[in-house]
Protein backbone atom coordinates (compact mmCIF):
# COMPACT_ATOMS: atom_id res chain seq x y z
CA MET A 1 -11.12 -12.36 -7.38
CA LYS A 2 -10.05 -13.31 -11.24
CA GLN A 3 -6.79 -15.28 -12.35
CA SER A 4 -5.19 -13.53 -15.28
CA PHE A 5 -2.14 -13.44 -17.39
CA PHE A 6 -0.64 -10.32 -17.45
CA GLU A 7 2.33 -8.73 -20.07
CA ILE A 8 5.19 -7.14 -18.24
CA ARG A 9 5.58 -3.61 -19.87
CA GLU A 10 8.26 -2.17 -17.68
CA ASN A 11 10.61 -2.75 -14.50
CA VAL A 12 12.58 0.00 -13.29
CA LYS A 13 14.45 0.56 -10.28
CA LEU A 14 13.05 3.40 -8.48
CA ALA A 15 15.10 3.89 -5.41
CA ASP A 16 17.77 1.41 -3.36
CA GLY A 17 15.88 -1.76 -3.67
CA VAL A 18 12.49 -0.87 -4.62
CA TYR A 19 11.37 -1.30 -8.39
CA ARG A 20 8.28 -0.25 -10.33
CA MET A 21 6.51 -2.95 -12.58
CA LYS A 22 4.06 -2.17 -15.41
CA LEU A 23 1.85 -5.07 -16.50
CA GLU A 24 -0.76 -4.81 -19.19
CA GLY A 25 -3.91 -7.15 -18.82
CA ASP A 26 -7.34 -7.47 -17.51
CA THR A 27 -7.63 -5.36 -14.60
CA SER A 28 -11.25 -5.19 -14.59
CA ALA A 29 -11.85 -6.99 -10.96
CA ILE A 30 -9.46 -4.14 -9.26
CA THR A 31 -12.23 -1.98 -7.95
CA ALA A 32 -10.73 0.03 -4.94
CA SER A 33 -7.25 1.41 -3.67
CA GLY A 34 -6.00 -0.72 -1.16
CA GLN A 35 -6.33 -3.93 -2.87
CA PHE A 36 -3.64 -6.16 -3.95
CA VAL A 37 -2.58 -9.05 -6.17
CA ASN A 38 -1.16 -12.24 -5.75
CA ILE A 39 1.77 -13.20 -8.22
CA LYS A 40 2.87 -16.71 -9.36
CA LEU A 41 6.72 -17.01 -9.95
CA ASP A 42 8.26 -19.96 -11.51
CA GLY A 43 9.69 -22.52 -8.87
CA LEU A 44 8.22 -20.72 -6.02
CA PHE A 45 5.53 -22.86 -4.07
CA LEU A 46 3.56 -19.69 -2.64
CA ARG A 47 2.27 -16.69 -4.62
CA ARG A 48 3.52 -13.31 -3.54
CA PRO A 49 1.54 -10.63 -2.64
CA ILE A 50 1.94 -6.93 -3.81
CA SER A 51 -0.12 -4.21 -3.23
CA VAL A 52 -1.98 -2.10 -5.90
CA CYS A 53 0.00 1.48 -6.84
CA ASP A 54 -2.32 2.42 -9.86
CA VAL A 55 -4.45 1.22 -12.56
CA GLU A 56 -4.85 3.16 -15.60
CA GLY A 57 -7.00 1.20 -18.30
CA ASP A 58 -5.45 -2.24 -19.17
CA ILE A 59 -1.98 -0.97 -17.05
CA LEU A 60 -1.20 -2.06 -13.82
CA THR A 61 1.44 -0.67 -11.73
CA LEU A 62 3.10 -2.49 -8.89
CA ILE A 63 5.74 -0.97 -6.71
CA TYR A 64 8.27 -3.64 -4.68
CA LYS A 65 10.99 -4.20 -2.61
CA VAL A 66 13.26 -6.71 -2.87
CA VAL A 67 13.32 -8.64 0.26
CA GLY A 68 13.44 -12.27 -0.65
CA LYS A 69 13.98 -14.83 -3.28
CA GLY A 70 10.73 -13.96 -5.15
CA THR A 71 10.67 -10.46 -5.21
CA ALA A 72 14.54 -10.55 -6.42
CA GLN A 73 13.13 -12.89 -9.03
CA MET A 74 10.86 -10.31 -10.12
CA ALA A 75 13.49 -7.58 -10.20
CA ALA A 76 15.20 -9.28 -12.69
CA MET A 77 12.26 -9.78 -15.26
CA GLN A 78 12.28 -7.03 -18.09
CA SER A 79 9.73 -9.06 -20.43
CA GLY A 80 7.24 -12.24 -20.28
CA LYS A 81 4.00 -13.02 -18.75
CA LEU A 82 2.86 -13.47 -15.03
CA ASP A 83 -0.28 -15.43 -13.41
CA LEU A 84 -1.67 -12.93 -11.41
CA LEU A 85 -5.05 -13.07 -9.21
CA THR A 86 -6.44 -9.58 -9.02
CA GLY A 87 -9.23 -7.92 -6.99
CA LEU A 88 -8.10 -9.25 -3.55
CA GLY A 89 -8.87 -7.43 -0.21
CA ASN A 90 -11.61 -5.06 0.62
CA GLY A 91 -9.71 -1.54 -0.12
CA TYR A 92 -9.91 2.10 1.57
CA ASP A 93 -13.43 3.36 2.02
CA THR A 94 -13.35 6.96 1.07
CA SER A 95 -17.09 8.07 2.14
CA THR A 96 -15.98 8.90 5.75
CA SER A 97 -12.86 10.94 4.92
CA GLY A 98 -14.14 14.44 5.29
CA SER A 99 -12.67 17.41 3.00
CA LYS A 100 -9.08 17.16 4.39
CA PRO A 101 -7.78 13.16 4.67
CA LEU A 102 -4.07 12.42 5.43
CA LEU A 103 -2.74 9.66 3.69
CA ILE A 104 0.44 8.18 5.95
CA GLY A 105 2.79 5.54 4.17
CA GLY A 106 5.77 3.80 4.96
CA GLY A 107 8.44 2.54 2.68
CA VAL A 108 6.23 -0.11 0.18
CA GLY A 109 3.56 1.13 2.53
CA VAL A 110 3.42 4.42 0.04
CA PRO A 111 2.14 2.43 -3.50
CA PRO A 112 -1.59 1.88 -2.52
CA LEU A 113 -1.91 5.39 -1.14
CA TYR A 114 -1.17 6.92 -4.61
CA MET A 115 -4.25 5.20 -6.07
CA LEU A 116 -6.06 6.40 -3.07
CA ALA A 117 -4.87 9.97 -3.56
CA LYS A 118 -6.47 10.24 -7.17
CA LYS A 119 -9.53 8.74 -5.96
CA LEU A 120 -9.82 11.31 -3.21
CA LEU A 121 -8.77 13.98 -5.44
CA ALA A 122 -11.36 12.85 -7.72
CA GLU A 123 -14.10 13.27 -5.08
CA GLY A 124 -13.17 16.97 -4.46
CA LYS A 125 -11.08 16.38 -1.43
CA SER A 126 -7.59 17.79 -0.40
CA PRO A 127 -5.66 14.88 0.58
CA HIS A 128 -1.87 15.38 1.90
CA ALA A 129 0.67 12.61 2.08
CA VAL A 130 2.99 11.92 4.67
CA LEU A 131 5.73 9.44 3.61
CA GLY A 132 8.35 7.99 5.48
CA PHE A 133 11.76 6.25 4.83
CA ASN A 134 14.98 5.53 6.31
CA THR A 135 17.03 7.62 4.13
CA LYS A 136 17.22 10.11 1.18
CA SER A 137 18.38 7.23 -0.91
CA GLU A 138 14.84 5.09 -0.42
CA VAL A 139 12.41 8.06 -1.11
CA PHE A 140 10.35 7.43 -4.34
CA TYR A 141 7.05 8.61 -5.39
CA ALA A 142 7.17 12.21 -3.67
CA LYS A 143 7.08 14.16 -6.78
CA GLU A 144 4.14 11.93 -8.27
CA PHE A 145 2.09 12.95 -5.40
CA ALA A 146 2.82 16.14 -5.80
CA SER A 147 1.87 15.78 -9.63
CA LEU A 148 -1.68 15.15 -8.76
CA GLY A 149 -1.74 18.02 -6.82
CA ALA A 150 -1.63 16.31 -3.07
CA GLY A 151 0.05 18.24 -0.16
CA VAL A 152 3.23 15.99 0.36
CA THR A 153 5.50 16.14 3.36
CA ILE A 154 8.67 13.17 3.66
CA ALA A 155 9.97 12.28 6.96
CA THR A 156 13.52 10.41 7.15
CA VAL A 157 14.87 8.27 9.98
CA ASP A 158 18.50 9.74 9.41
CA GLY A 159 17.28 13.04 8.62
CA SER A 160 19.05 13.39 5.17
CA PHE A 161 15.66 14.34 3.52
CA GLY A 162 12.58 16.08 4.88
CA VAL A 163 11.59 15.96 8.60
CA LYS A 164 13.89 14.07 10.83
CA GLY A 165 12.19 11.07 12.66
CA TYR A 166 9.41 8.99 11.80
CA VAL A 167 5.96 9.44 10.00
CA THR A 168 4.64 10.55 13.58
CA ASP A 169 7.44 13.15 13.83
CA ALA A 170 5.90 14.93 10.45
CA LEU A 171 2.10 14.92 12.04
CA SER A 172 2.66 18.24 14.01
CA GLY A 173 0.92 21.27 13.01
CA LEU A 174 -1.21 19.47 9.83
CA ASP A 175 -5.01 19.91 9.79
CA TYR A 176 -6.80 16.93 8.96
CA THR A 177 -10.28 15.40 9.38
CA TYR A 178 -9.56 11.60 8.70
CA PHE A 179 -6.44 9.45 7.77
CA TYR A 180 -5.53 6.27 6.25
CA THR A 181 -2.38 4.60 6.51
CA CYS A 182 -0.15 1.49 5.54
CA GLY A 183 3.18 0.40 6.38
CA PRO A 184 5.05 -2.20 8.78
CA GLU A 185 2.92 -2.92 11.99
CA PRO A 186 5.42 -0.91 14.29
CA MET A 187 4.53 2.11 12.13
CA LEU A 188 0.78 1.57 12.01
CA LYS A 189 0.55 0.93 16.23
CA ALA A 190 2.52 4.35 16.26
CA VAL A 191 0.03 6.12 13.98
CA TYR A 192 -2.72 4.60 16.08
CA ASN A 193 -1.29 6.34 19.01
CA ALA A 194 -0.62 9.59 17.80
CA ALA A 195 -3.17 10.38 15.18
CA SER A 196 -6.23 12.76 16.32
CA THR A 197 -9.06 11.35 14.26
CA SER A 198 -10.42 7.99 13.26
CA GLY A 199 -8.50 6.23 10.48
CA GLN A 200 -8.00 3.30 8.24
CA PHE A 201 -5.05 0.71 8.38
CA SER A 202 -3.80 -1.38 5.79
CA PHE A 203 -2.16 -4.42 7.50
CA GLU A 204 0.62 -6.08 5.74
CA GLU A 205 0.67 -9.96 6.62
CA ARG A 206 2.39 -13.23 5.86
CA MET A 207 -0.63 -14.91 3.25
CA GLY A 208 -0.79 -18.63 2.18
CA CYS A 209 -3.73 -18.40 -0.23
CA GLY A 210 -4.39 -14.80 -0.38
CA PHE A 211 -8.08 -15.19 -0.68
CA GLY A 212 -9.54 -16.75 2.50
CA ALA A 213 -9.24 -20.21 2.39
CA CYS A 214 -6.38 -21.45 4.41
CA MET A 215 -7.20 -19.02 7.43
CA GLY A 216 -3.24 -18.29 7.79
CA CYS A 217 -3.47 -14.58 8.20
CA SER A 218 -6.67 -14.36 10.58
CA CYS A 219 -6.41 -11.67 13.69
CA GLN A 220 -8.48 -10.96 16.46
CA THR A 221 -10.58 -7.71 16.07
CA VAL A 222 -13.02 -6.34 18.44
CA THR A 223 -15.77 -7.96 16.53
CA GLY A 224 -14.04 -11.78 16.42
CA TYR A 225 -11.40 -13.02 14.29
CA LYS A 226 -10.89 -11.73 10.58
CA ARG A 227 -8.62 -12.93 7.74
CA ILE A 228 -6.22 -10.22 6.65
CA CYS A 229 -6.52 -11.04 2.94
CA ARG A 230 -10.27 -11.14 2.67
CA ASP A 231 -11.95 -9.08 5.76
CA GLY A 232 -8.71 -6.89 4.96
CA PRO A 233 -6.06 -5.63 4.49
CA VAL A 234 -7.68 -2.61 5.25
CA LEU A 235 -9.37 -2.14 8.93
CA PHE A 236 -10.96 0.31 10.66
CA LYS A 237 -9.02 2.33 13.72
CA GLU A 238 -12.40 1.57 16.19
CA GLU A 239 -12.21 -2.28 15.64
CA ILE A 240 -7.93 -3.12 15.89
CA LEU A 241 -6.98 -5.49 18.97
CA TRP A 242 -2.92 -5.03 18.74
CA ARG A 243 -1.13 -7.98 19.33
CA LYS A 244 1.29 -7.89 22.94
């Protein structure tokens, strides 16, 4: 973990309620796709955790959705500096993915899969991304995944773009050796039940500190309690115990 100040270089709207912020600063602590940063915002007691979308040199890309006071404050920023804790979380392990990994993202669970797709492609693998949204106006980063060379399938709940339904409705007919997924817990549970291989799940959770000190984001697994912020956010399929 490292605390650094980053300069805002870009903050643009991508889709309904979804923004991309590019920051310049010390990215050396970010070593794996699936990690996150924790952002300090003026007037707010708790930092806001945001998953890392991409890192290119000293440029950090974050994609976030406006859901409350903190993200609304971020959406209004066009310049200035932000205090970040970087290098948080364990990230995805690509050593067991096989040749045709499947990336399954829902909403703002899509961004960390972009950096993962880049890594898998660099390793000579052929990833396919299934990206789920509620409606066409919320779709983002489909072209960016395709530009990398990954296959892309879009699902929208209302059928206004791509496959009608949820990400699990788009899995039929896809050939894959392993999967990685990130999104809201109901989606993750549905993927757990529908997927035909092993995989890794990145969980969203309310966090106090973001680095394992407060224990506020602990969850039970088959090997005991784990902290989502420090031992996760990525858990393997075989260790997950779903909350009733």
